[in-house]
């Protein structure tokens, strides 16, 4: 299966084989994963910057959560499509301020929960 990186939501959902409800859960789960990723690694602003082994681990975690809910697993191309959008949206919403915030929190060894962007 293959989809374009600029595929529509409808095209991506059709490729995943998810129902509307299953797709909504996939959206929620991937948003949560992308937020955690951007907080832990603010320099990973694009999919291509995420190391391949980390991409694979993310796919395994997300598919584990989906399967636990009885939702079909997704292929890497679907995850790439979704996370690429999320990282772009995070950059648009927070820009470099989040990256700076996390670097300062790390430098001063503050509790990461006190340094969450956009919470």
N, C-alpha and C. Protein backbone atom coordinates (compact mmCIF):
# COMPACT_ATOMS: atom_id res chain seq x y z
N UNK A 1 0.84 -1.17 0.00
CA UNK A 1 0.00 0.00 0.00
C UNK A 1 0.89 1.24 0.00
N UNK A 2 0.42 2.25 -0.70
CA UNK A 2 1.18 3.49 -0.77
C UNK A 2 0.21 4.66 -0.83
N UNK A 3 0.56 5.71 -0.12
CA UNK A 3 -0.20 6.96 -0.20
C UNK A 3 0.78 8.10 -0.38
N UNK A 4 0.29 9.18 -0.93
CA UNK A 4 1.12 10.37 -1.09
C UNK A 4 1.27 11.05 0.26
N UNK A 5 2.37 11.74 0.46
CA UNK A 5 2.57 12.45 1.72
C UNK A 5 1.57 13.58 1.87
N UNK A 6 1.04 14.08 0.73
CA UNK A 6 0.02 15.13 0.79
C UNK A 6 -1.38 14.57 0.55
N UNK A 7 -1.56 13.28 0.87
CA UNK A 7 -2.88 12.65 0.73
C UNK A 7 -3.88 13.34 1.65
N UNK A 8 -5.14 13.27 1.27
CA UNK A 8 -6.20 13.82 2.11
C UNK A 8 -6.44 12.87 3.28
N UNK A 9 -7.15 13.38 4.28
CA UNK A 9 -7.52 12.55 5.42
C UNK A 9 -8.32 11.35 4.93
N UNK A 10 -9.25 11.58 4.03
CA UNK A 10 -10.09 10.49 3.51
C UNK A 10 -9.25 9.42 2.83
N UNK A 11 -8.26 9.84 2.05
CA UNK A 11 -7.39 8.88 1.37
C UNK A 11 -6.57 8.07 2.38
N UNK A 12 -6.03 8.74 3.38
CA UNK A 12 -5.23 8.05 4.38
C UNK A 12 -6.09 7.09 5.20
N UNK A 13 -7.28 7.53 5.57
CA UNK A 13 -8.17 6.66 6.34
C UNK A 13 -8.56 5.43 5.53
N UNK A 14 -8.88 5.64 4.26
CA UNK A 14 -9.23 4.51 3.39
C UNK A 14 -8.07 3.53 3.30
N UNK A 15 -6.85 4.04 3.18
CA UNK A 15 -5.67 3.18 3.09
C UNK A 15 -5.45 2.40 4.39
N UNK A 16 -5.83 2.99 5.51
CA UNK A 16 -5.64 2.31 6.80
C UNK A 16 -6.68 1.22 7.04
N UNK A 17 -7.83 1.35 6.39
CA UNK A 17 -8.91 0.39 6.61
C UNK A 17 -9.68 0.63 7.90
N UNK A 18 -9.50 1.79 8.51
CA UNK A 18 -10.18 2.11 9.77
C UNK A 18 -11.58 2.67 9.53
N UNK A 19 -12.46 2.37 10.49
CA UNK A 19 -13.77 3.03 10.51
C UNK A 19 -13.55 4.45 11.03
N UNK A 20 -14.58 5.26 11.00
CA UNK A 20 -14.48 6.65 11.51
C UNK A 20 -14.04 6.65 12.97
N UNK A 21 -14.65 5.79 13.78
CA UNK A 21 -14.34 5.73 15.21
C UNK A 21 -12.91 5.25 15.44
N UNK A 22 -12.49 4.25 14.68
CA UNK A 22 -11.12 3.75 14.81
C UNK A 22 -10.12 4.82 14.39
N UNK A 23 -10.44 5.55 13.34
CA UNK A 23 -9.55 6.62 12.86
C UNK A 23 -9.44 7.73 13.89
N UNK A 24 -10.55 8.03 14.55
CA UNK A 24 -10.51 9.05 15.60
C UNK A 24 -9.56 8.65 16.72
N UNK A 25 -9.58 7.38 17.10
CA UNK A 25 -8.66 6.90 18.14
C UNK A 25 -7.21 6.94 17.64
N UNK A 26 -6.99 6.55 16.38
CA UNK A 26 -5.65 6.64 15.79
C UNK A 26 -5.16 8.08 15.85
N UNK A 27 -6.02 9.03 15.52
CA UNK A 27 -5.65 10.44 15.57
C UNK A 27 -5.24 10.85 16.98
N UNK A 28 -6.04 10.45 17.96
CA UNK A 28 -5.76 10.81 19.35
C UNK A 28 -4.44 10.20 19.82
N UNK A 29 -4.25 8.93 19.53
CA UNK A 29 -3.04 8.22 19.97
C UNK A 29 -1.80 8.82 19.32
N UNK A 30 -1.87 9.11 18.03
CA UNK A 30 -0.69 9.68 17.35
C UNK A 30 -0.41 11.10 17.82
N UNK A 31 -1.45 11.84 18.15
CA UNK A 31 -1.23 13.19 18.68
C UNK A 31 -0.49 13.12 20.00
N UNK A 32 -0.89 12.19 20.85
CA UNK A 32 -0.23 11.99 22.13
C UNK A 32 1.24 11.60 21.93
N UNK A 33 1.49 10.68 21.03
CA UNK A 33 2.87 10.24 20.75
C UNK A 33 3.72 11.39 20.19
N UNK A 34 3.15 12.15 19.27
CA UNK A 34 3.91 13.26 18.67
C UNK A 34 4.22 14.34 19.69
N UNK A 35 3.30 14.58 20.60
CA UNK A 35 3.53 15.58 21.64
C UNK A 35 4.68 15.13 22.54
N UNK A 36 4.65 13.87 22.95
CA UNK A 36 5.74 13.34 23.78
C UNK A 36 7.07 13.40 23.04
N UNK A 37 7.05 13.06 21.77
CA UNK A 37 8.26 13.09 20.95
C UNK A 37 8.83 14.50 20.86
N UNK A 38 7.98 15.47 20.58
CA UNK A 38 8.47 16.84 20.42
C UNK A 38 8.95 17.43 21.74
N UNK A 39 8.38 16.96 22.85
CA UNK A 39 8.85 17.42 24.16
C UNK A 39 10.21 16.81 24.50
N UNK A 40 10.38 15.54 24.17
CA UNK A 40 11.64 14.85 24.48
C UNK A 40 12.76 15.22 23.51
N UNK A 41 12.38 15.53 22.26
CA UNK A 41 13.38 15.81 21.22
C UNK A 41 12.94 17.01 20.38
N UNK A 42 13.04 18.20 20.93
CA UNK A 42 12.54 19.38 20.21
C UNK A 42 13.26 19.65 18.89
N UNK A 43 14.43 19.05 18.71
CA UNK A 43 15.17 19.25 17.45
C UNK A 43 14.66 18.35 16.33
N UNK A 44 13.82 17.37 16.64
CA UNK A 44 13.25 16.49 15.62
C UNK A 44 11.98 17.15 15.08
N UNK A 45 12.16 18.11 14.21
CA UNK A 45 11.05 18.92 13.72
C UNK A 45 10.39 18.35 12.48
N UNK A 46 11.02 17.35 11.87
CA UNK A 46 10.49 16.71 10.66
C UNK A 46 10.67 15.21 10.80
N UNK A 47 9.82 14.47 10.11
CA UNK A 47 9.87 13.01 10.15
C UNK A 47 11.26 12.50 9.78
N UNK A 48 11.86 13.07 8.77
CA UNK A 48 13.16 12.61 8.27
C UNK A 48 14.27 12.77 9.32
N UNK A 49 14.08 13.65 10.29
CA UNK A 49 15.08 13.86 11.34
C UNK A 49 14.98 12.83 12.47
N UNK A 50 13.90 12.07 12.50
CA UNK A 50 13.72 11.05 13.53
C UNK A 50 14.50 9.80 13.09
N UNK A 51 15.41 9.31 13.92
CA UNK A 51 16.17 8.11 13.54
C UNK A 51 15.24 6.94 13.22
N UNK A 52 15.65 6.12 12.27
CA UNK A 52 14.81 5.01 11.80
C UNK A 52 14.40 4.07 12.94
N UNK A 53 15.31 3.80 13.87
CA UNK A 53 14.95 2.91 14.97
C UNK A 53 13.89 3.54 15.87
N UNK A 54 13.91 4.85 16.03
CA UNK A 54 12.89 5.54 16.83
C UNK A 54 11.55 5.54 16.10
N UNK A 55 11.59 5.67 14.78
CA UNK A 55 10.35 5.58 13.99
C UNK A 55 9.72 4.21 14.17
N UNK A 56 10.56 3.19 14.12
CA UNK A 56 10.07 1.81 14.27
C UNK A 56 9.48 1.58 15.66
N UNK A 57 10.15 2.09 16.69
CA UNK A 57 9.63 1.96 18.05
C UNK A 57 8.29 2.68 18.21
N UNK A 58 8.18 3.85 17.60
CA UNK A 58 6.93 4.60 17.66
C UNK A 58 5.81 3.80 16.99
N UNK A 59 6.11 3.22 15.84
CA UNK A 59 5.12 2.41 15.13
C UNK A 59 4.68 1.23 16.00
N UNK A 60 5.62 0.58 16.66
CA UNK A 60 5.29 -0.55 17.53
C UNK A 60 4.42 -0.12 18.70
N UNK A 61 4.75 1.01 19.33
CA UNK A 61 3.95 1.52 20.46
C UNK A 61 2.53 1.85 20.01
N UNK A 62 2.43 2.57 18.91
CA UNK A 62 1.11 2.99 18.42
C UNK A 62 0.29 1.77 18.03
N UNK A 63 0.89 0.85 17.29
CA UNK A 63 0.16 -0.35 16.90
C UNK A 63 -0.23 -1.19 18.11
N UNK A 64 0.62 -1.22 19.12
CA UNK A 64 0.27 -1.93 20.36
C UNK A 64 -0.97 -1.34 21.00
N UNK A 65 -1.04 -0.03 21.05
CA UNK A 65 -2.21 0.64 21.63
C UNK A 65 -3.45 0.41 20.78
N UNK A 66 -3.28 0.47 19.45
CA UNK A 66 -4.42 0.24 18.56
C UNK A 66 -4.95 -1.19 18.73
N UNK A 67 -4.06 -2.16 18.67
CA UNK A 67 -4.45 -3.56 18.77
C UNK A 67 -5.12 -3.85 20.11
N UNK A 68 -4.62 -3.23 21.18
CA UNK A 68 -5.23 -3.41 22.50
C UNK A 68 -6.69 -2.95 22.52
N UNK A 69 -7.04 -2.03 21.62
CA UNK A 69 -8.41 -1.53 21.52
C UNK A 69 -9.19 -2.23 20.41
N UNK A 70 -8.60 -3.25 19.81
CA UNK A 70 -9.28 -3.96 18.74
C UNK A 70 -9.28 -3.22 17.41
N UNK A 71 -8.35 -2.31 17.25
CA UNK A 71 -8.24 -1.50 16.03
C UNK A 71 -7.10 -2.06 15.19
N UNK A 72 -7.31 -2.20 13.87
CA UNK A 72 -6.23 -2.72 13.02
C UNK A 72 -4.97 -1.86 13.09
N UNK A 73 -3.83 -2.54 13.08
CA UNK A 73 -2.53 -1.85 13.06
C UNK A 73 -2.39 -1.07 11.76
N UNK A 74 -1.52 -0.07 11.79
CA UNK A 74 -1.24 0.73 10.58
C UNK A 74 0.16 0.40 10.08
N UNK A 75 0.39 0.71 8.81
CA UNK A 75 1.72 0.55 8.22
C UNK A 75 2.51 1.84 8.42
N UNK A 76 3.80 1.74 8.25
CA UNK A 76 4.70 2.88 8.46
C UNK A 76 4.30 4.09 7.61
N UNK A 77 3.85 3.86 6.39
CA UNK A 77 3.50 4.99 5.50
C UNK A 77 2.36 5.82 6.09
N UNK A 78 1.41 5.17 6.77
CA UNK A 78 0.30 5.89 7.40
C UNK A 78 0.83 6.69 8.59
N UNK A 79 1.69 6.08 9.38
CA UNK A 79 2.28 6.79 10.51
C UNK A 79 3.11 7.97 10.03
N UNK A 80 3.89 7.76 8.99
CA UNK A 80 4.71 8.86 8.44
C UNK A 80 3.82 10.02 8.01
N UNK A 81 2.75 9.72 7.31
CA UNK A 81 1.81 10.75 6.85
C UNK A 81 1.28 11.55 8.04
N UNK A 82 0.84 10.84 9.08
CA UNK A 82 0.23 11.50 10.23
C UNK A 82 1.25 12.29 11.06
N UNK A 83 2.37 11.69 11.37
CA UNK A 83 3.35 12.37 12.22
C UNK A 83 3.98 13.55 11.49
N UNK A 84 4.14 13.45 10.19
CA UNK A 84 4.64 14.60 9.42
C UNK A 84 3.71 15.79 9.59
N UNK A 85 2.42 15.54 9.52
CA UNK A 85 1.43 16.61 9.72
C UNK A 85 1.51 17.17 11.14
N UNK A 86 1.58 16.27 12.11
CA UNK A 86 1.61 16.71 13.50
C UNK A 86 2.84 17.55 13.82
N UNK A 87 4.00 17.12 13.35
CA UNK A 87 5.22 17.88 13.61
C UNK A 87 5.16 19.26 12.95
N UNK A 88 4.61 19.31 11.76
CA UNK A 88 4.43 20.61 11.08
C UNK A 88 3.50 21.50 11.90
N UNK A 89 2.39 20.92 12.39
CA UNK A 89 1.44 21.69 13.18
C UNK A 89 2.05 22.17 14.49
N UNK A 90 2.85 21.32 15.13
CA UNK A 90 3.51 21.71 16.37
C UNK A 90 4.44 22.88 16.12
N UNK A 91 5.19 22.84 15.02
CA UNK A 91 6.09 23.94 14.69
C UNK A 91 5.32 25.23 14.44
N UNK A 92 4.21 25.11 13.74
CA UNK A 92 3.40 26.30 13.47
C UNK A 92 2.83 26.89 14.76
N UNK A 93 2.42 26.01 15.66
CA UNK A 93 1.78 26.47 16.89
C UNK A 93 2.79 27.03 17.89
N UNK A 94 3.93 26.33 18.05
CA UNK A 94 4.86 26.70 19.10
C UNK A 94 6.18 27.27 18.60
N UNK A 95 6.51 27.05 17.35
CA UNK A 95 7.77 27.57 16.81
C UNK A 95 8.96 27.11 17.61
N UNK A 96 9.91 27.99 17.79
CA UNK A 96 11.12 27.62 18.52
C UNK A 96 10.99 27.83 20.02
N UNK A 97 9.90 28.44 20.47
CA UNK A 97 9.78 28.73 21.89
C UNK A 97 9.78 27.46 22.73
N UNK A 98 9.16 26.39 22.23
CA UNK A 98 9.16 25.13 22.98
C UNK A 98 10.57 24.55 23.07
N UNK A 99 11.28 24.57 21.98
CA UNK A 99 12.64 24.03 21.98
C UNK A 99 13.49 24.78 23.00
N UNK A 100 13.37 26.09 23.00
CA UNK A 100 14.13 26.90 23.94
C UNK A 100 13.72 26.58 25.37
N UNK A 101 12.42 26.45 25.60
CA UNK A 101 11.91 26.13 26.93
C UNK A 101 12.47 24.81 27.44
N UNK A 102 12.47 23.78 26.60
CA UNK A 102 12.97 22.48 27.02
C UNK A 102 14.47 22.50 27.26
N UNK A 103 15.19 23.25 26.45
CA UNK A 103 16.64 23.34 26.65
C UNK A 103 16.94 24.01 27.99
N UNK A 104 16.21 25.05 28.32
CA UNK A 104 16.41 25.73 29.61
C UNK A 104 16.04 24.82 30.77
N UNK A 105 14.93 24.10 30.64
CA UNK A 105 14.52 23.18 31.70
C UNK A 105 15.58 22.11 31.92
N UNK A 106 16.12 21.61 30.83
CA UNK A 106 17.16 20.58 30.92
C UNK A 106 18.41 21.17 31.57
N UNK A 107 18.80 22.36 31.15
CA UNK A 107 19.99 23.01 31.68
C UNK A 107 19.87 23.23 33.19
N UNK A 108 18.71 23.70 33.62
CA UNK A 108 18.50 23.99 35.04
C UNK A 108 17.99 22.79 35.82
N UNK A 109 17.87 21.65 35.13
CA UNK A 109 17.43 20.40 35.73
C UNK A 109 16.10 20.54 36.45
N UNK A 110 15.18 21.19 35.78
CA UNK A 110 13.84 21.35 36.33
C UNK A 110 13.02 20.11 36.02
N UNK A 111 11.96 19.92 36.77
CA UNK A 111 11.05 18.80 36.53
C UNK A 111 10.45 18.95 35.14
N UNK A 112 10.57 17.92 34.29
CA UNK A 112 10.02 18.02 32.93
C UNK A 112 8.52 18.31 32.90
N UNK A 113 7.80 17.89 33.93
CA UNK A 113 6.36 18.16 33.97
C UNK A 113 6.08 19.65 34.11
N UNK A 114 7.03 20.39 34.67
CA UNK A 114 6.86 21.84 34.79
C UNK A 114 7.23 22.56 33.50
N UNK A 115 7.78 21.83 32.55
CA UNK A 115 8.30 22.44 31.32
C UNK A 115 7.52 22.03 30.09
N UNK A 116 6.34 21.54 30.25
CA UNK A 116 5.56 21.07 29.10
C UNK A 116 5.07 22.25 28.29
N UNK A 117 5.28 22.18 27.01
CA UNK A 117 4.81 23.23 26.10
C UNK A 117 3.34 23.04 25.79
N UNK A 118 2.62 24.10 25.79
CA UNK A 118 1.24 24.08 25.35
C UNK A 118 0.28 23.34 26.25
N UNK A 119 0.66 23.03 27.47
CA UNK A 119 -0.26 22.32 28.36
C UNK A 119 -1.17 23.29 29.07
